[in-house]
């Protein structure tokens, strides 16, 4: 059996390709906020009013896509502030300063 190995990267290229550790932390926190908002919206959508006139798989797919886009936009704008709080909480453990204003 052959051994699988990861390709080796030249020293110092990881921050160049993926950004500084602080940027990575900010992106990860923002992605977490988007996932959290998506889950909140999905749970809210589970309530059904059984309207036979409107509905179906097409509408469900559209609403899911709409909720995903809303969650992404809300996280990008920091509407809920979850990403900012996560970043502030984790920044000291990564040796980086907390975001301004916290």
C-alpha atoms as a PDB file:
ATOM      1  CA  UNK A   1       0.000   0.000   0.000  1.00  0.00           C
ATOM      2  CA  UNK A   2       1.287   3.442  -0.895  1.00  0.00           C
ATOM      3  CA  UNK A   3       1.590   6.137   1.680  1.00  0.00           C
ATOM      4  CA  UNK A   4      -0.392   9.287   1.024  1.00  0.00           C
ATOM      5  CA  UNK A   5       1.369  12.496   1.841  1.00  0.00           C
ATOM      6  CA  UNK A   6       0.370  16.113   1.676  1.00  0.00           C
ATOM      7  CA  UNK A   7       2.270  18.287  -0.760  1.00  0.00           C
ATOM      8  CA  UNK A   8       4.950  20.290   0.947  1.00  0.00           C
ATOM      9  CA  UNK A   9       4.616  24.034   0.873  1.00  0.00           C
ATOM     10  CA  UNK A  10       7.566  26.371   0.883  1.00  0.00           C
ATOM     11  CA  UNK A  11       8.150  27.865   4.293  1.00  0.00           C
ATOM     12  CA  UNK A  12       6.117  31.028   4.848  1.00  0.00           C
ATOM     13  CA  UNK A  13       3.593  30.527   2.035  1.00  0.00           C
ATOM     14  CA  UNK A  14       0.629  29.577   4.234  1.00  0.00           C
ATOM     15  CA  UNK A  15       0.011  33.128   5.511  1.00  0.00           C
ATOM     16  CA  UNK A  16       0.408  34.426   1.963  1.00  0.00           C
ATOM     17  CA  UNK A  17      -2.150  32.015   0.552  1.00  0.00           C
ATOM     18  CA  UNK A  18      -4.622  32.100   3.433  1.00  0.00           C
ATOM     19  CA  UNK A  19      -4.016  35.519   4.965  1.00  0.00           C
ATOM     20  CA  UNK A  20      -2.656  36.512   8.336  1.00  0.00           C
ATOM     21  CA  UNK A  21      -3.797  34.550  11.387  1.00  0.00           C
ATOM     22  CA  UNK A  22      -5.978  37.489  12.446  1.00  0.00           C
ATOM     23  CA  UNK A  23      -7.655  37.565   9.029  1.00  0.00           C
ATOM     24  CA  UNK A  24      -8.234  33.811   9.211  1.00  0.00           C
ATOM     25  CA  UNK A  25      -9.796  34.214  12.657  1.00  0.00           C
ATOM     26  CA  UNK A  26     -12.076  37.002  11.428  1.00  0.00           C
ATOM     27  CA  UNK A  27     -13.191  34.957   8.399  1.00  0.00           C
ATOM     28  CA  UNK A  28     -13.827  31.856  10.513  1.00  0.00           C
ATOM     29  CA  UNK A  29     -15.849  33.867  13.034  1.00  0.00           C
ATOM     30  CA  UNK A  30     -17.873  35.433  10.221  1.00  0.00           C
ATOM     31  CA  UNK A  31     -18.536  32.028   8.666  1.00  0.00           C
ATOM     32  CA  UNK A  32     -19.653  30.704  12.051  1.00  0.00           C
ATOM     33  CA  UNK A  33     -22.085  33.596  12.423  1.00  0.00           C
ATOM     34  CA  UNK A  34     -23.518  32.866   8.969  1.00  0.00           C
ATOM     35  CA  UNK A  35     -23.991  29.193   9.835  1.00  0.00           C
ATOM     36  CA  UNK A  36     -25.630  30.121  13.131  1.00  0.00           C
ATOM     37  CA  UNK A  37     -28.058  32.528  11.430  1.00  0.00           C
ATOM     38  CA  UNK A  38     -28.876  29.877   8.788  1.00  0.00           C
ATOM     39  CA  UNK A  39     -29.724  27.383  11.532  1.00  0.00           C
ATOM     40  CA  UNK A  40     -31.901  29.956  13.296  1.00  0.00           C
ATOM     41  CA  UNK A  41     -33.815  30.682  10.116  1.00  0.00           C
ATOM     42  CA  UNK A  42     -34.196  26.983   9.298  1.00  0.00           C
ATOM     43  CA  UNK A  43     -35.726  26.357  12.709  1.00  0.00           C
ATOM     44  CA  UNK A  44     -38.055  29.319  12.304  1.00  0.00           C
ATOM     45  CA  UNK A  45     -39.162  28.020   8.894  1.00  0.00           C
ATOM     46  CA  UNK A  46     -40.133  24.643  10.374  1.00  0.00           C
ATOM     47  CA  UNK A  47     -43.327  26.190  11.662  1.00  0.00           C
ATOM     48  CA  UNK A  48     -45.919  25.518   9.004  1.00  0.00           C
ATOM     49  CA  UNK A  49     -49.220  27.230   8.498  1.00  0.00           C
ATOM     50  CA  UNK A  50     -50.337  24.628   5.939  1.00  0.00           C
ATOM     51  CA  UNK A  51     -51.464  27.074   3.300  1.00  0.00           C
ATOM     52  CA  UNK A  52     -52.481  24.813   0.384  1.00  0.00           C
ATOM     53  CA  UNK A  53     -52.449  27.692  -2.115  1.00  0.00           C
ATOM     54  CA  UNK A  54     -48.772  28.494  -1.679  1.00  0.00           C
ATOM     55  CA  UNK A  55     -45.962  26.086  -1.086  1.00  0.00           C
ATOM     56  CA  UNK A  56     -44.276  23.146  -2.644  1.00  0.00           C
ATOM     57  CA  UNK A  57     -40.719  22.088  -3.215  1.00  0.00           C
ATOM     58  CA  UNK A  58     -39.903  25.069  -5.435  1.00  0.00           C
ATOM     59  CA  UNK A  59     -40.941  27.559  -2.783  1.00  0.00           C
ATOM     60  CA  UNK A  60     -39.047  25.615  -0.123  1.00  0.00           C
ATOM     61  CA  UNK A  61     -35.887  25.685  -2.249  1.00  0.00           C
ATOM     62  CA  UNK A  62     -36.292  29.410  -2.898  1.00  0.00           C
ATOM     63  CA  UNK A  63     -36.770  30.160   0.796  1.00  0.00           C
ATOM     64  CA  UNK A  64     -33.707  28.108   1.699  1.00  0.00           C
ATOM     65  CA  UNK A  65     -31.617  30.018  -0.832  1.00  0.00           C
ATOM     66  CA  UNK A  66     -33.084  33.298   0.394  1.00  0.00           C
ATOM     67  CA  UNK A  67     -32.274  32.431   4.011  1.00  0.00           C
ATOM     68  CA  UNK A  68     -28.710  31.437   3.107  1.00  0.00           C
ATOM     69  CA  UNK A  69     -28.137  34.733   1.305  1.00  0.00           C
ATOM     70  CA  UNK A  70     -29.628  36.693   4.186  1.00  0.00           C
ATOM     71  CA  UNK A  71     -27.421  34.834   6.656  1.00  0.00           C
ATOM     72  CA  UNK A  72     -24.308  35.573   4.592  1.00  0.00           C
ATOM     73  CA  UNK A  73     -25.177  39.270   4.315  1.00  0.00           C
ATOM     74  CA  UNK A  74     -26.039  39.546   8.005  1.00  0.00           C
ATOM     75  CA  UNK A  75     -22.712  37.967   8.951  1.00  0.00           C
ATOM     76  CA  UNK A  76     -20.753  40.190   6.548  1.00  0.00           C
ATOM     77  CA  UNK A  77     -22.341  43.297   8.023  1.00  0.00           C
ATOM     78  CA  UNK A  78     -22.061  42.072  11.604  1.00  0.00           C
ATOM     79  CA  UNK A  79     -25.787  42.492  12.171  1.00  0.00           C
ATOM     80  CA  UNK A  80     -25.885  40.145  15.128  1.00  0.00           C
ATOM     81  CA  UNK A  81     -22.347  40.802  16.412  1.00  0.00           C
ATOM     82  CA  UNK A  82     -21.613  37.131  16.960  1.00  0.00           C
ATOM     83  CA  UNK A  83     -18.499  37.088  14.773  1.00  0.00           C
ATOM     84  CA  UNK A  84     -17.091  40.136  16.521  1.00  0.00           C
ATOM     85  CA  UNK A  85     -17.592  38.551  19.936  1.00  0.00           C
ATOM     86  CA  UNK A  86     -16.033  35.258  18.839  1.00  0.00           C
ATOM     87  CA  UNK A  87     -13.073  37.099  17.385  1.00  0.00           C
ATOM     88  CA  UNK A  88     -12.635  39.130  20.566  1.00  0.00           C
ATOM     89  CA  UNK A  89     -12.841  35.968  22.675  1.00  0.00           C
ATOM     90  CA  UNK A  90     -10.338  33.989  20.593  1.00  0.00           C
ATOM     91  CA  UNK A  91      -7.869  36.758  19.712  1.00  0.00           C
ATOM     92  CA  UNK A  92      -5.984  36.585  23.053  1.00  0.00           C
ATOM     93  CA  UNK A  93      -5.411  32.853  22.609  1.00  0.00           C
ATOM     94  CA  UNK A  94      -3.884  33.442  19.195  1.00  0.00           C
ATOM     95  CA  UNK A  95      -1.603  36.163  20.511  1.00  0.00           C
ATOM     96  CA  UNK A  96      -3.304  38.908  18.513  1.00  0.00           C
ATOM     97  CA  UNK A  97      -4.948  42.064  19.774  1.00  0.00           C
ATOM     98  CA  UNK A  98      -8.727  42.231  20.131  1.00  0.00           C
ATOM     99  CA  UNK A  99     -10.716  44.150  17.493  1.00  0.00           C
ATOM    100  CA  UNK A 100     -11.144  47.882  18.026  1.00  0.00           C
ATOM    101  CA  UNK A 101     -14.018  48.875  20.227  1.00  0.00           C
ATOM    102  CA  UNK A 102     -14.039  45.762  22.444  1.00  0.00           C
END
